[in-house]
């Protein structure tokens, strides 16, 4: 899945986040807990305790947007870390959304034509 341009920074809030939070609540978390700028245009990703919902908050120059996804089966491979927030690149975010782990090397499968 190609979701992000390669130059976009992505920050993951590593611990579980209350998914009832919306634009204001998530932007306050970014500012107060992580000391980052929610107006930067970077993406800020949050996951719930069960790891089946991800919300991504970003500023698009005219307002905040939230991208929200939920898995019906399985769980996201949300990283475990002692840090409150980690930054990843666009490729790792795509892996995460595709259900892959972000700290392992992945390669694109190529199939020979028959």
PDB file of N, CA and C in Angstrom:
ATOM      1  N   UNK A   1       0.841  -1.172   0.000  1.00  0.00           N
ATOM      2  CA  UNK A   1       0.000   0.000   0.000  1.00  0.00           C
ATOM      3  C   UNK A   1       0.891   1.241   0.000  1.00  0.00           C
ATOM      4  N   UNK A   2       0.705   2.105  -0.956  1.00  0.00           N
ATOM      5  CA  UNK A   2       1.459   3.358  -1.025  1.00  0.00           C
ATOM      6  C   UNK A   2       0.579   4.451  -0.463  1.00  0.00           C
ATOM      7  N   UNK A   3       0.882   4.900   0.760  1.00  0.00           N
ATOM      8  CA  UNK A   3       0.065   5.896   1.427  1.00  0.00           C
ATOM      9  C   UNK A   3       0.774   7.227   1.570  1.00  0.00           C
ATOM     10  N   UNK A   4       2.085   7.193   1.779  1.00  0.00           N
ATOM     11  CA  UNK A   4       2.808   8.384   2.174  1.00  0.00           C
ATOM     12  C   UNK A   4       3.918   8.740   1.201  1.00  0.00           C
ATOM     13  N   UNK A   5       4.173  10.017   1.019  1.00  0.00           N
ATOM     14  CA  UNK A   5       5.375  10.388   0.271  1.00  0.00           C
ATOM     15  C   UNK A   5       6.607  10.042   1.092  1.00  0.00           C
ATOM     16  N   UNK A   6       7.717   9.790   0.449  1.00  0.00           N
ATOM     17  CA  UNK A   6       8.925   9.347   1.142  1.00  0.00           C
ATOM     18  C   UNK A   6       9.516  10.385   2.084  1.00  0.00           C
ATOM     19  N   UNK A   7       9.202  11.656   1.901  1.00  0.00           N
ATOM     20  CA  UNK A   7       9.784  12.695   2.740  1.00  0.00           C
ATOM     21  C   UNK A   7       9.005  12.934   4.029  1.00  0.00           C
ATOM     22  N   UNK A   8       7.838  12.331   4.204  1.00  0.00           N
ATOM     23  CA  UNK A   8       7.006  12.554   5.371  1.00  0.00           C
ATOM     24  C   UNK A   8       7.573  11.832   6.585  1.00  0.00           C
ATOM     25  N   UNK A   9       7.637  12.542   7.718  1.00  0.00           N
ATOM     26  CA  UNK A   9       8.018  11.900   8.975  1.00  0.00           C
ATOM     27  C   UNK A   9       6.765  11.305   9.593  1.00  0.00           C
ATOM     28  N   UNK A  10       6.961  10.162  10.229  1.00  0.00           N
ATOM     29  CA  UNK A  10       5.860   9.496  10.918  1.00  0.00           C
ATOM     30  C   UNK A  10       6.302   9.250  12.348  1.00  0.00           C
ATOM     31  N   UNK A  11       5.469   9.649  13.286  1.00  0.00           N
ATOM     32  CA  UNK A  11       5.739   9.423  14.697  1.00  0.00           C
ATOM     33  C   UNK A  11       4.691   8.474  15.245  1.00  0.00           C
ATOM     34  N   UNK A  12       5.145   7.429  15.954  1.00  0.00           N
ATOM     35  CA  UNK A  12       4.231   6.478  16.577  1.00  0.00           C
ATOM     36  C   UNK A  12       4.185   6.722  18.071  1.00  0.00           C
ATOM     37  N   UNK A  13       2.998   6.867  18.614  1.00  0.00           N
ATOM     38  CA  UNK A  13       2.815   6.888  20.057  1.00  0.00           C
ATOM     39  C   UNK A  13       2.818   5.429  20.494  1.00  0.00           C
ATOM     40  N   UNK A  14       3.870   5.000  21.153  1.00  0.00           N
ATOM     41  CA  UNK A  14       4.100   3.575  21.364  1.00  0.00           C
ATOM     42  C   UNK A  14       3.087   2.928  22.298  1.00  0.00           C
ATOM     43  N   UNK A  15       2.708   3.565  23.368  1.00  0.00           N
ATOM     44  CA  UNK A  15       1.738   2.973  24.284  1.00  0.00           C
ATOM     45  C   UNK A  15       0.328   3.034  23.734  1.00  0.00           C
ATOM     46  N   UNK A  16      -0.616   2.389  24.404  1.00  0.00           N
ATOM     47  CA  UNK A  16      -2.006   2.437  23.937  1.00  0.00           C
ATOM     48  C   UNK A  16      -2.597   3.824  24.121  1.00  0.00           C
ATOM     49  N   UNK A  17      -3.480   4.195  23.202  1.00  0.00           N
ATOM     50  CA  UNK A  17      -4.145   5.493  23.223  1.00  0.00           C
ATOM     51  C   UNK A  17      -5.648   5.269  23.254  1.00  0.00           C
ATOM     52  N   UNK A  18      -6.346   6.100  23.987  1.00  0.00           N
ATOM     53  CA  UNK A  18      -7.802   6.065  24.040  1.00  0.00           C
ATOM     54  C   UNK A  18      -8.338   6.498  22.673  1.00  0.00           C
ATOM     55  N   UNK A  19      -8.971   5.596  21.955  1.00  0.00           N
ATOM     56  CA  UNK A  19      -9.447   5.876  20.605  1.00  0.00           C
ATOM     57  C   UNK A  19     -10.698   6.758  20.585  1.00  0.00           C
ATOM     58  N   UNK A  20     -11.204   7.150  21.752  1.00  0.00           N
ATOM     59  CA  UNK A  20     -12.301   8.123  21.785  1.00  0.00           C
ATOM     60  C   UNK A  20     -11.778   9.527  21.501  1.00  0.00           C
ATOM     61  N   UNK A  21     -10.455   9.706  21.612  1.00  0.00           N
ATOM     62  CA  UNK A  21      -9.864  11.017  21.334  1.00  0.00           C
ATOM     63  C   UNK A  21      -9.976  11.327  19.845  1.00  0.00           C
ATOM     64  N   UNK A  22     -10.217  12.595  19.563  1.00  0.00           N
ATOM     65  CA  UNK A  22     -10.322  13.032  18.181  1.00  0.00           C
ATOM     66  C   UNK A  22      -9.283  14.117  17.925  1.00  0.00           C
ATOM     67  N   UNK A  23      -9.573  15.053  17.067  1.00  0.00           N
ATOM     68  CA  UNK A  23      -8.619  16.076  16.635  1.00  0.00           C
ATOM     69  C   UNK A  23      -7.961  16.803  17.811  1.00  0.00           C
ATOM     70  N   UNK A  24      -8.758  17.376  18.692  1.00  0.00           N
ATOM     71  CA  UNK A  24      -8.222  18.179  19.783  1.00  0.00           C
ATOM     72  C   UNK A  24      -7.445  17.337  20.793  1.00  0.00           C
ATOM     73  N   UNK A  25      -8.007  16.206  21.183  1.00  0.00           N
ATOM     74  CA  UNK A  25      -7.348  15.349  22.168  1.00  0.00           C
ATOM     75  C   UNK A  25      -6.027  14.789  21.670  1.00  0.00           C
ATOM     76  N   UNK A  26      -6.001  14.353  20.417  1.00  0.00           N
ATOM     77  CA  UNK A  26      -4.757  13.810  19.862  1.00  0.00           C
ATOM     78  C   UNK A  26      -3.716  14.906  19.665  1.00  0.00           C
ATOM     79  N   UNK A  27      -4.132  16.089  19.216  1.00  0.00           N
ATOM     80  CA  UNK A  27      -3.156  17.165  19.031  1.00  0.00           C
ATOM     81  C   UNK A  27      -2.588  17.627  20.376  1.00  0.00           C
ATOM     82  N   UNK A  28      -3.380  17.587  21.441  1.00  0.00           N
ATOM     83  CA  UNK A  28      -2.860  17.905  22.767  1.00  0.00           C
ATOM     84  C   UNK A  28      -1.835  16.876  23.231  1.00  0.00           C
ATOM     85  N   UNK A  29      -2.088  15.593  22.954  1.00  0.00           N
ATOM     86  CA  UNK A  29      -1.102  14.559  23.283  1.00  0.00           C
ATOM     87  C   UNK A  29       0.228  14.832  22.591  1.00  0.00           C
ATOM     88  N   UNK A  30       0.157  15.194  21.331  1.00  0.00           N
ATOM     89  CA  UNK A  30       1.363  15.462  20.542  1.00  0.00           C
ATOM     90  C   UNK A  30       2.143  16.625  21.141  1.00  0.00           C
ATOM     91  N   UNK A  31       1.446  17.685  21.484  1.00  0.00           N
ATOM     92  CA  UNK A  31       2.095  18.887  22.008  1.00  0.00           C
ATOM     93  C   UNK A  31       2.597  18.692  23.429  1.00  0.00           C
ATOM     94  N   UNK A  32       1.737  18.211  24.313  1.00  0.00           N
ATOM     95  CA  UNK A  32       2.070  18.163  25.732  1.00  0.00           C
ATOM     96  C   UNK A  32       2.900  16.944  26.130  1.00  0.00           C
ATOM     97  N   UNK A  33       2.590  15.783  25.607  1.00  0.00           N
ATOM     98  CA  UNK A  33       3.305  14.565  26.022  1.00  0.00           C
ATOM     99  C   UNK A  33       4.574  14.312  25.229  1.00  0.00           C
ATOM    100  N   UNK A  34       4.571  14.665  23.930  1.00  0.00           N
ATOM    101  CA  UNK A  34       5.705  14.318  23.080  1.00  0.00           C
ATOM    102  C   UNK A  34       6.554  15.519  22.689  1.00  0.00           C
ATOM    103  N   UNK A  35       6.100  16.719  23.033  1.00  0.00           N
ATOM    104  CA  UNK A  35       6.826  17.959  22.728  1.00  0.00           C
ATOM    105  C   UNK A  35       7.129  18.081  21.235  1.00  0.00           C
ATOM    106  N   UNK A  36       6.129  17.755  20.408  1.00  0.00           N
ATOM    107  CA  UNK A  36       6.235  17.863  18.956  1.00  0.00           C
ATOM    108  C   UNK A  36       5.169  18.830  18.457  1.00  0.00           C
ATOM    109  N   UNK A  37       5.293  19.242  17.204  1.00  0.00           N
ATOM    110  CA  UNK A  37       4.390  20.222  16.619  1.00  0.00           C
ATOM    111  C   UNK A  37       3.354  19.530  15.728  1.00  0.00           C
ATOM    112  N   UNK A  38       2.088  19.489  16.143  1.00  0.00           N
ATOM    113  CA  UNK A  38       1.069  18.828  15.320  1.00  0.00           C
ATOM    114  C   UNK A  38       0.781  19.564  14.011  1.00  0.00           C
ATOM    115  N   UNK A  39       1.228  20.808  13.872  1.00  0.00           N
ATOM    116  CA  UNK A  39       1.010  21.591  12.655  1.00  0.00           C
ATOM    117  C   UNK A  39       2.146  21.429  11.644  1.00  0.00           C
ATOM    118  N   UNK A  40       3.068  20.522  11.905  1.00  0.00           N
ATOM    119  CA  UNK A  40       4.262  20.361  11.065  1.00  0.00           C
ATOM    120  C   UNK A  40       3.974  19.719   9.713  1.00  0.00           C
ATOM    121  N   UNK A  41       2.844  19.036   9.578  1.00  0.00           N
ATOM    122  CA  UNK A  41       2.560  18.281   8.359  1.00  0.00           C
ATOM    123  C   UNK A  41       3.010  16.836   8.472  1.00  0.00           C
ATOM    124  N   UNK A  42       3.716  16.508   9.566  1.00  0.00           N
ATOM    125  CA  UNK A  42       4.112  15.122   9.800  1.00  0.00           C
ATOM    126  C   UNK A  42       2.898  14.322  10.253  1.00  0.00           C
ATOM    127  N   UNK A  43       3.036  13.009  10.209  1.00  0.00           N
ATOM    128  CA  UNK A  43       1.947  12.118  10.611  1.00  0.00           C
ATOM    129  C   UNK A  43       2.200  11.600  12.022  1.00  0.00           C
ATOM    130  N   UNK A  44       1.142  11.519  12.809  1.00  0.00           N
ATOM    131  CA  UNK A  44       1.225  11.046  14.181  1.00  0.00           C
ATOM    132  C   UNK A  44       0.246   9.885  14.333  1.00  0.00           C
ATOM    133  N   UNK A  45       0.784   8.707  14.591  1.00  0.00           N
ATOM    134  CA  UNK A  45      -0.031   7.489  14.618  1.00  0.00           C
ATOM    135  C   UNK A  45      -0.238   7.000  16.042  1.00  0.00           C
ATOM    136  N   UNK A  46      -1.454   6.542  16.305  1.00  0.00           N
ATOM    137  CA  UNK A  46      -1.857   6.065  17.619  1.00  0.00           C
ATOM    138  C   UNK A  46      -2.566   4.724  17.456  1.00  0.00           C
ATOM    139  N   UNK A  47      -2.422   3.868  18.459  1.00  0.00           N
ATOM    140  CA  UNK A  47      -3.044   2.540  18.407  1.00  0.00           C
ATOM    141  C   UNK A  47      -3.741   2.268  19.740  1.00  0.00           C
ATOM    142  N   UNK A  48      -4.799   1.486  19.698  1.00  0.00           N
ATOM    143  CA  UNK A  48      -5.514   1.146  20.923  1.00  0.00           C
ATOM    144  C   UNK A  48      -4.848  -0.037  21.631  1.00  0.00           C
ATOM    145  N   UNK A  49      -5.354  -0.358  22.813  1.00  0.00           N
ATOM    146  CA  UNK A  49      -4.767  -1.426  23.639  1.00  0.00           C
ATOM    147  C   UNK A  49      -4.828  -2.790  22.942  1.00  0.00           C
ATOM    148  N   UNK A  50      -5.917  -3.079  22.230  1.00  0.00           N
ATOM    149  CA  UNK A  50      -6.048  -4.375  21.556  1.00  0.00           C
ATOM    150  C   UNK A  50      -5.251  -4.451  20.263  1.00  0.00           C
ATOM    151  N   UNK A  51      -4.727  -3.319  19.813  1.00  0.00           N
ATOM    152  CA  UNK A  51      -3.915  -3.224  18.602  1.00  0.00           C
ATOM    153  C   UNK A  51      -4.685  -3.605  17.333  1.00  0.00           C
ATOM    154  N   UNK A  52      -5.962  -3.266  17.322  1.00  0.00           N
ATOM    155  CA  UNK A  52      -6.742  -3.518  16.113  1.00  0.00           C
ATOM    156  C   UNK A  52      -7.261  -2.227  15.474  1.00  0.00           C
ATOM    157  N   UNK A  53      -6.934  -1.073  16.083  1.00  0.00           N
ATOM    158  CA  UNK A  53      -7.329   0.226  15.538  1.00  0.00           C
ATOM    159  C   UNK A  53      -6.113   1.142  15.505  1.00  0.00           C
ATOM    160  N   UNK A  54      -5.951   1.842  14.399  1.00  0.00           N
ATOM    161  CA  UNK A  54      -4.922   2.873  14.277  1.00  0.00           C
ATOM    162  C   UNK A  54      -5.601   4.159  13.817  1.00  0.00           C
ATOM    163  N   UNK A  55      -5.222   5.267  14.456  1.00  0.00           N
ATOM    164  CA  UNK A  55      -5.618   6.600  14.010  1.00  0.00           C
ATOM    165  C   UNK A  55      -4.337   7.353  13.674  1.00  0.00           C
ATOM    166  N   UNK A  56      -4.376   8.075  12.566  1.00  0.00           N
ATOM    167  CA  UNK A  56      -3.248   8.899  12.151  1.00  0.00           C
ATOM    168  C   UNK A  56      -3.754  10.328  12.012  1.00  0.00           C
ATOM    169  N   UNK A  57      -3.142  11.233  12.761  1.00  0.00           N
ATOM    170  CA  UNK A  57      -3.507  12.643  12.721  1.00  0.00           C
ATOM    171  C   UNK A  57      -2.455  13.409  11.947  1.00  0.00           C
ATOM    172  N   UNK A  58      -2.896  14.316  11.077  1.00  0.00           N
ATOM    173  CA  UNK A  58      -1.956  15.178  10.364  1.00  0.00           C
ATOM    174  C   UNK A  58      -2.620  16.490  10.000  1.00  0.00           C
ATOM    175  N   UNK A  59      -1.800  17.508   9.793  1.00  0.00           N
ATOM    176  CA  UNK A  59      -2.240  18.838   9.398  1.00  0.00           C
ATOM    177  C   UNK A  59      -2.048  18.969   7.906  1.00  0.00           C
ATOM    178  N   UNK A  60      -3.074  19.374   7.161  1.00  0.00           N
ATOM    179  CA  UNK A  60      -2.966  19.451   5.701  1.00  0.00           C
ATOM    180  C   UNK A  60      -2.993  20.891   5.185  1.00  0.00           C
ATOM    181  N   UNK A  61      -2.505  21.826   5.975  1.00  0.00           N
ATOM    182  CA  UNK A  61      -2.422  23.259   5.649  1.00  0.00           C
ATOM    183  C   UNK A  61      -3.746  24.007   5.765  1.00  0.00           C
ATOM    184  N   UNK A  62      -4.853  23.323   5.952  1.00  0.00           N
ATOM    185  CA  UNK A  62      -6.116  24.032   6.158  1.00  0.00           C
ATOM    186  C   UNK A  62      -6.879  23.491   7.363  1.00  0.00           C
ATOM    187  N   UNK A  63      -6.423  22.400   7.919  1.00  0.00           N
ATOM    188  CA  UNK A  63      -7.081  21.808   9.076  1.00  0.00           C
ATOM    189  C   UNK A  63      -6.507  20.436   9.371  1.00  0.00           C
ATOM    190  N   UNK A  64      -6.901  19.901  10.515  1.00  0.00           N
ATOM    191  CA  UNK A  64      -6.455  18.563  10.889  1.00  0.00           C
ATOM    192  C   UNK A  64      -7.270  17.509  10.156  1.00  0.00           C
ATOM    193  N   UNK A  65      -6.620  16.399   9.832  1.00  0.00           N
ATOM    194  CA  UNK A  65      -7.270  15.237   9.227  1.00  0.00           C
ATOM    195  C   UNK A  65      -6.937  14.020  10.076  1.00  0.00           C
ATOM    196  N   UNK A  66      -7.873  13.098  10.133  1.00  0.00           N
ATOM    197  CA  UNK A  66      -7.633  11.818  10.816  1.00  0.00           C
ATOM    198  C   UNK A  66      -7.898  10.703   9.824  1.00  0.00           C
ATOM    199  N   UNK A  67      -6.929   9.823   9.719  1.00  0.00           N
ATOM    200  CA  UNK A  67      -7.092   8.598   8.951  1.00  0.00           C
ATOM    201  C   UNK A  67      -7.271   7.495   9.986  1.00  0.00           C
ATOM    202  N   UNK A  68      -8.332   6.704   9.876  1.00  0.00           N
ATOM    203  CA  UNK A  68      -8.709   5.722  10.893  1.00  0.00           C
ATOM    204  C   UNK A  68      -8.899   4.376  10.212  1.00  0.00           C
ATOM    205  N   UNK A  69      -8.255   3.350  10.747  1.00  0.00           N
ATOM    206  CA  UNK A  69      -8.442   2.008  10.201  1.00  0.00           C
ATOM    207  C   UNK A  69      -8.633   1.017  11.340  1.00  0.00           C
ATOM    208  N   UNK A  70      -9.441  -0.009  11.073  1.00  0.00           N
ATOM    209  CA  UNK A  70      -9.700  -1.049  12.063  1.00  0.00           C
ATOM    210  C   UNK A  70      -9.592  -2.409  11.385  1.00  0.00           C
ATOM    211  N   UNK A  71      -8.916  -3.335  12.047  1.00  0.00           N
ATOM    212  CA  UNK A  71      -8.823  -4.700  11.545  1.00  0.00           C
ATOM    213  C   UNK A  71      -9.991  -5.516  12.093  1.00  0.00           C
ATOM    214  N   UNK A  72     -10.601  -6.283  11.238  1.00  0.00           N
ATOM    215  CA  UNK A  72     -11.684  -7.164  11.673  1.00  0.00           C
ATOM    216  C   UNK A  72     -11.136  -8.444  12.288  1.00  0.00           C
ATOM    217  N   UNK A  73      -9.980  -8.862  11.802  1.00  0.00           N
ATOM    218  CA  UNK A  73      -9.292 -10.038  12.344  1.00  0.00           C
ATOM    219  C   UNK A  73      -7.820  -9.676  12.477  1.00  0.00           C
ATOM    220  N   UNK A  74      -7.129 -10.364  13.354  1.00  0.00           N
ATOM    221  CA  UNK A  74      -5.692 -10.148  13.530  1.00  0.00           C
ATOM    222  C   UNK A  74      -5.412  -8.859  14.289  1.00  0.00           C
ATOM    223  N   UNK A  75      -4.147  -8.533  14.455  1.00  0.00           N
ATOM    224  CA  UNK A  75      -3.700  -7.361  15.200  1.00  0.00           C
ATOM    225  C   UNK A  75      -2.549  -6.702  14.451  1.00  0.00           C
ATOM    226  N   UNK A  76      -2.403  -5.379  14.637  1.00  0.00           N
ATOM    227  CA  UNK A  76      -1.249  -4.683  14.088  1.00  0.00           C
ATOM    228  C   UNK A  76      -0.014  -5.045  14.903  1.00  0.00           C
ATOM    229  N   UNK A  77       1.135  -5.080  14.252  1.00  0.00           N
ATOM    230  CA  UNK A  77       2.407  -5.336  14.933  1.00  0.00           C
ATOM    231  C   UNK A  77       2.965  -4.016  15.453  1.00  0.00           C
ATOM    232  N   UNK A  78       2.287  -3.464  16.448  1.00  0.00           N
ATOM    233  CA  UNK A  78       2.693  -2.183  17.020  1.00  0.00           C
ATOM    234  C   UNK A  78       3.957  -2.403  17.831  1.00  0.00           C
ATOM    235  N   UNK A  79       4.964  -1.564  17.667  1.00  0.00           N
ATOM    236  CA  UNK A  79       6.252  -1.805  18.341  1.00  0.00           C
ATOM    237  C   UNK A  79       6.170  -1.625  19.856  1.00  0.00           C
ATOM    238  N   UNK A  80       7.002  -2.380  20.548  1.00  0.00           N
ATOM    239  CA  UNK A  80       7.183  -2.214  21.984  1.00  0.00           C
ATOM    240  C   UNK A  80       8.453  -1.420  22.191  1.00  0.00           C
ATOM    241  N   UNK A  81       8.403  -0.440  23.050  1.00  0.00           N
ATOM    242  CA  UNK A  81       9.559   0.409  23.279  1.00  0.00           C
ATOM    243  C   UNK A  81       9.416   1.067  24.636  1.00  0.00           C
ATOM    244  N   UNK A  82      10.538   1.415  25.224  1.00  0.00           N
ATOM    245  CA  UNK A  82      10.532   2.172  26.469  1.00  0.00           C
ATOM    246  C   UNK A  82      10.222   3.640  26.201  1.00  0.00           C
ATOM    247  N   UNK A  83      10.377   4.073  24.953  1.00  0.00           N
ATOM    248  CA  UNK A  83      10.119   5.461  24.594  1.00  0.00           C
ATOM    249  C   UNK A  83       8.629   5.703  24.479  1.00  0.00           C
ATOM    250  N   UNK A  84       8.213   6.950  24.629  1.00  0.00           N
ATOM    251  CA  UNK A  84       6.805   7.292  24.463  1.00  0.00           C
ATOM    252  C   UNK A  84       6.432   7.449  23.002  1.00  0.00           C
ATOM    253  N   UNK A  85       7.388   7.912  22.197  1.00  0.00           N
ATOM    254  CA  UNK A  85       7.128   8.133  20.773  1.00  0.00           C
ATOM    255  C   UNK A  85       8.393   7.768  20.010  1.00  0.00           C
ATOM    256  N   UNK A  86       8.225   7.129  18.856  1.00  0.00           N
ATOM    257  CA  UNK A  86       9.359   6.817  17.984  1.00  0.00           C
ATOM    258  C   UNK A  86       9.036   7.334  16.591  1.00  0.00           C
ATOM    259  N   UNK A  87      10.082   7.652  15.840  1.00  0.00           N
ATOM    260  CA  UNK A  87       9.840   8.094  14.467  1.00  0.00           C
ATOM    261  C   UNK A  87      10.246   6.983  13.515  1.00  0.00           C
ATOM    262  N   UNK A  88       9.448   6.820  12.477  1.00  0.00           N
ATOM    263  CA  UNK A  88       9.694   5.808  11.458  1.00  0.00           C
ATOM    264  C   UNK A  88       9.557   6.486  10.105  1.00  0.00           C
ATOM    265  N   UNK A  89       9.935   5.777   9.052  1.00  0.00           N
ATOM    266  CA  UNK A  89       9.800   6.365   7.720  1.00  0.00           C
ATOM    267  C   UNK A  89       8.522   5.850   7.046  1.00  0.00           C
ATOM    268  N   UNK A  90       8.258   6.390   5.871  1.00  0.00           N
ATOM    269  CA  UNK A  90       7.030   6.054   5.153  1.00  0.00           C
ATOM    270  C   UNK A  90       6.962   4.572   4.805  1.00  0.00           C
ATOM    271  N   UNK A  91       8.101   3.976   4.462  1.00  0.00           N
ATOM    272  CA  UNK A  91       8.112   2.556   4.117  1.00  0.00           C
ATOM    273  C   UNK A  91       7.714   1.707   5.323  1.00  0.00           C
ATOM    274  N   UNK A  92       8.257   2.039   6.497  1.00  0.00           N
ATOM    275  CA  UNK A  92       7.909   1.297   7.704  1.00  0.00           C
ATOM    276  C   UNK A  92       6.431   1.467   8.063  1.00  0.00           C
ATOM    277  N   UNK A  93       5.882   2.659   7.826  1.00  0.00           N
ATOM    278  CA  UNK A  93       4.459   2.874   8.094  1.00  0.00           C
ATOM    279  C   UNK A  93       3.612   2.021   7.164  1.00  0.00           C
ATOM    280  N   UNK A  94       4.006   1.924   5.922  1.00  0.00           N
ATOM    281  CA  UNK A  94       3.283   1.058   4.980  1.00  0.00           C
ATOM    282  C   UNK A  94       3.342  -0.394   5.431  1.00  0.00           C
ATOM    283  N   UNK A  95       4.524  -0.834   5.898  1.00  0.00           N
ATOM    284  CA  UNK A  95       4.640  -2.202   6.416  1.00  0.00           C
ATOM    285  C   UNK A  95       3.686  -2.412   7.586  1.00  0.00           C
ATOM    286  N   UNK A  96       3.667  -1.463   8.508  1.00  0.00           N
ATOM    287  CA  UNK A  96       2.811  -1.575   9.682  1.00  0.00           C
ATOM    288  C   UNK A  96       1.348  -1.700   9.272  1.00  0.00           C
ATOM    289  N   UNK A  97       0.905  -0.855   8.347  1.00  0.00           N
ATOM    290  CA  UNK A  97      -0.483  -0.895   7.900  1.00  0.00           C
ATOM    291  C   UNK A  97      -0.808  -2.159   7.112  1.00  0.00           C
ATOM    292  N   UNK A  98       0.219  -2.778   6.519  1.00  0.00           N
ATOM    293  CA  UNK A  98       0.026  -4.045   5.808  1.00  0.00           C
ATOM    294  C   UNK A  98       0.103  -5.252   6.745  1.00  0.00           C
ATOM    295  N   UNK A  99       0.297  -5.003   8.050  1.00  0.00           N
ATOM    296  CA  UNK A  99       0.329  -6.088   9.025  1.00  0.00           C
ATOM    297  C   UNK A  99       1.704  -6.680   9.258  1.00  0.00           C
ATOM    298  N   UNK A 100       2.744  -5.995   8.809  1.00  0.00           N
ATOM    299  CA  UNK A 100       4.100  -6.488   8.971  1.00  0.00           C
ATOM    300  C   UNK A 100       4.800  -5.784  10.128  1.00  0.00           C
ATOM    301  N   UNK A 101       5.868  -6.393  10.625  1.00  0.00           N
ATOM    302  CA  UNK A 101       6.655  -5.774  11.686  1.00  0.00           C
ATOM    303  C   UNK A 101       7.588  -4.735  11.079  1.00  0.00           C
ATOM    304  N   UNK A 102       7.784  -3.634  11.775  1.00  0.00           N
ATOM    305  CA  UNK A 102       8.586  -2.553  11.209  1.00  0.00           C
ATOM    306  C   UNK A 102      10.071  -2.694  11.482  1.00  0.00           C
ATOM    307  N   UNK A 103      10.454  -3.580  12.396  1.00  0.00           N
ATOM    308  CA  UNK A 103      11.873  -3.707  12.742  1.00  0.00           C
ATOM    309  C   UNK A 103      12.551  -4.888  12.047  1.00  0.00           C
ATOM    310  N   UNK A 104      11.902  -5.457  11.050  1.00  0.00           N
ATOM    311  CA  UNK A 104      12.489  -6.556  10.286  1.00  0.00           C
ATOM    312  C   UNK A 104      12.566  -6.157   8.821  1.00  0.00           C
ATOM    313  N   UNK A 105      13.536  -6.688   8.135  1.00  0.00           N
ATOM    314  CA  UNK A 105      13.682  -6.401   6.702  1.00  0.00           C
ATOM    315  C   UNK A 105      12.606  -7.162   5.919  1.00  0.00           C
ATOM    316  N   UNK A 106      12.005  -6.486   4.967  1.00  0.00           N
ATOM    317  CA  UNK A 106      10.994  -7.090   4.105  1.00  0.00           C
ATOM    318  C   UNK A 106      11.387  -6.821   2.670  1.00  0.00           C
ATOM    319  N   UNK A 107      11.006  -7.710   1.816  1.00  0.00           N
ATOM    320  CA  UNK A 107      11.268  -7.491   0.402  1.00  0.00           C
ATOM    321  C   UNK A 107       9.986  -7.749  -0.368  1.00  0.00           C
ATOM    322  N   UNK A 108       9.905  -7.111  -1.489  1.00  0.00           N
ATOM    323  CA  UNK A 108       8.724  -7.279  -2.344  1.00  0.00           C
ATOM    324  C   UNK A 108       8.842  -8.623  -3.058  1.00  0.00           C
ATOM    325  N   UNK A 109       7.769  -9.383  -3.050  1.00  0.00           N
ATOM    326  CA  UNK A 109       7.759 -10.671  -3.733  1.00  0.00           C
ATOM    327  C   UNK A 109       7.569 -10.450  -5.224  1.00  0.00           C
ATOM    328  N   UNK A 110       8.386 -11.113  -6.008  1.00  0.00           N
ATOM    329  CA  UNK A 110       8.279 -11.036  -7.468  1.00  0.00           C
ATOM    330  C   UNK A 110       7.926 -12.416  -7.991  1.00  0.00           C
ATOM    331  N   UNK A 111       6.970 -12.470  -8.867  1.00  0.00           N
ATOM    332  CA  UNK A 111       6.520 -13.730  -9.431  1.00  0.00           C
ATOM    333  C   UNK A 111       6.887 -13.771 -10.907  1.00  0.00           C
ATOM    334  N   UNK A 112       7.395 -14.903 -11.340  1.00  0.00           N
ATOM    335  CA  UNK A 112       7.712 -15.088 -12.747  1.00  0.00           C
ATOM    336  C   UNK A 112       6.430 -15.211 -13.551  1.00  0.00           C
ATOM    337  N   UNK A 113       6.458 -14.637 -14.719  1.00  0.00           N
ATOM    338  CA  UNK A 113       5.289 -14.756 -15.590  1.00  0.00           C
ATOM    339  C   UNK A 113       5.269 -16.146 -16.200  1.00  0.00           C
ATOM    340  N   UNK A 114       4.084 -16.697 -16.347  1.00  0.00           N
ATOM    341  CA  UNK A 114       3.949 -18.040 -16.899  1.00  0.00           C
ATOM    342  C   UNK A 114       3.681 -17.948 -18.376  1.00  0.00           C
TER     343      UNK A 114
END
